[in-house]
Amino acid sequence: MSTIDSSRTAPREAGRADTAVRVGTIVFAVGAVATLATLTPFLIGADALPRAVYLLSVLMPLGLAVLIGGVVATARGQRRSVPD
């Protein structure tokens, strides 16, 4: 059984991947809140929200894409550092 030594991963790649995961998580959360905010008026029978709130809902899949990209980059960086 082998262990992953993160000290061999290039710090530049690891830093970018970690930053992408953090940014993706924040963008996803903002998009999720905007999506819930846009659905609430329909469920309670109130007037619709401004168009800007609906456009913020697009951040949810965008944040998910950035998050997945960061996770893949982290995994690829760790995979390269494991000796055979």
Protein backbone atom coordinates (compact mmCIF):
# COMPACT_ATOMS: atom_id res chain seq x y z
CA MET A 1 0.00 0.00 0.00
CA SER A 2 1.43 3.37 -0.93
CA THR A 3 0.90 6.74 0.63
CA ILE A 4 0.63 10.03 -1.19
CA ASP A 5 3.46 12.44 -0.43
CA SER A 6 2.06 15.91 -1.04
CA SER A 7 5.49 17.48 -0.59
CA ARG A 8 6.46 16.30 -4.07
CA THR A 9 3.54 18.08 -5.73
CA ALA A 10 4.57 21.31 -7.34
CA PRO A 11 3.45 24.11 -5.01
CA ARG A 12 2.32 26.26 -7.91
CA GLU A 13 -0.03 23.60 -9.28
CA ALA A 14 -1.30 22.67 -5.83
CA GLY A 15 -1.93 26.31 -4.99
CA ARG A 16 -3.90 26.92 -8.17
CA ALA A 17 -5.97 23.78 -7.72
CA ASP A 18 -6.76 24.59 -4.09
CA THR A 19 -7.70 28.14 -5.06
CA ALA A 20 -9.98 26.82 -7.81
CA VAL A 21 -11.73 24.54 -5.32
CA ARG A 22 -12.26 27.40 -2.86
CA VAL A 23 -13.48 29.85 -5.52
CA GLY A 24 -15.72 27.20 -7.09
CA THR A 25 -17.28 26.45 -3.72
CA ILE A 26 -18.02 30.12 -3.05
CA VAL A 27 -19.44 30.72 -6.53
CA PHE A 28 -21.56 27.58 -6.26
CA ALA A 29 -22.92 28.68 -2.87
CA VAL A 30 -23.85 32.14 -4.20
CA GLY A 31 -25.59 30.51 -7.16
CA ALA A 32 -27.44 28.07 -4.90
CA VAL A 33 -28.73 30.89 -2.71
CA ALA A 34 -29.82 32.83 -5.82
CA THR A 35 -31.58 29.74 -7.16
CA LEU A 36 -33.46 29.27 -3.89
CA ALA A 37 -34.34 32.97 -3.91
CA THR A 38 -35.77 32.72 -7.43
CA LEU A 39 -37.88 29.67 -6.60
CA THR A 40 -39.34 31.01 -3.37
CA PRO A 41 -41.71 33.59 -4.93
CA PHE A 42 -43.22 30.91 -7.17
CA LEU A 43 -43.82 28.60 -4.23
CA ILE A 44 -45.47 31.21 -2.02
CA GLY A 45 -47.37 32.99 -4.81
CA ALA A 46 -45.53 36.33 -4.61
CA ASP A 47 -44.33 38.58 -7.42
CA ALA A 48 -41.26 37.54 -9.39
CA LEU A 49 -37.83 38.92 -8.49
CA PRO A 50 -35.75 41.22 -10.71
CA ARG A 51 -33.91 39.74 -13.67
CA ALA A 52 -30.51 40.20 -11.99
CA VAL A 53 -31.38 37.57 -9.39
CA TYR A 54 -32.25 35.09 -12.13
CA LEU A 55 -28.92 35.81 -13.82
CA LEU A 56 -27.11 35.11 -10.54
CA SER A 57 -28.58 31.61 -10.66
CA VAL A 58 -26.23 30.87 -13.56
CA LEU A 59 -23.36 30.98 -11.05
CA MET A 60 -24.41 27.63 -9.60
CA PRO A 61 -23.38 25.43 -12.57
CA LEU A 62 -20.41 27.71 -13.27
CA GLY A 63 -19.16 27.27 -9.70
CA LEU A 64 -19.68 23.52 -9.96
CA ALA A 65 -17.56 23.42 -13.12
CA VAL A 66 -14.73 25.39 -11.48
CA LEU A 67 -14.96 23.19 -8.38
CA ILE A 68 -14.76 19.96 -10.39
CA GLY A 69 -11.86 21.36 -12.41
CA GLY A 70 -9.97 22.13 -9.20
CA VAL A 71 -10.60 18.66 -7.81
CA VAL A 72 -9.43 17.05 -11.04
CA ALA A 73 -6.29 19.22 -11.07
CA THR A 74 -5.55 18.26 -7.47
CA ALA A 75 -6.01 14.57 -8.23
CA ARG A 76 -3.79 14.75 -11.30
CA GLY A 77 -1.09 16.56 -9.34
CA GLN A 78 -1.13 13.93 -6.60
CA ARG A 79 -1.15 11.12 -9.14
CA ARG A 80 2.02 12.43 -10.75
CA SER A 81 3.83 12.62 -7.42
CA VAL A 82 3.23 8.97 -6.43
CA PRO A 83 6.27 6.79 -7.21
CA ASP A 84 5.61 3.59 -9.16
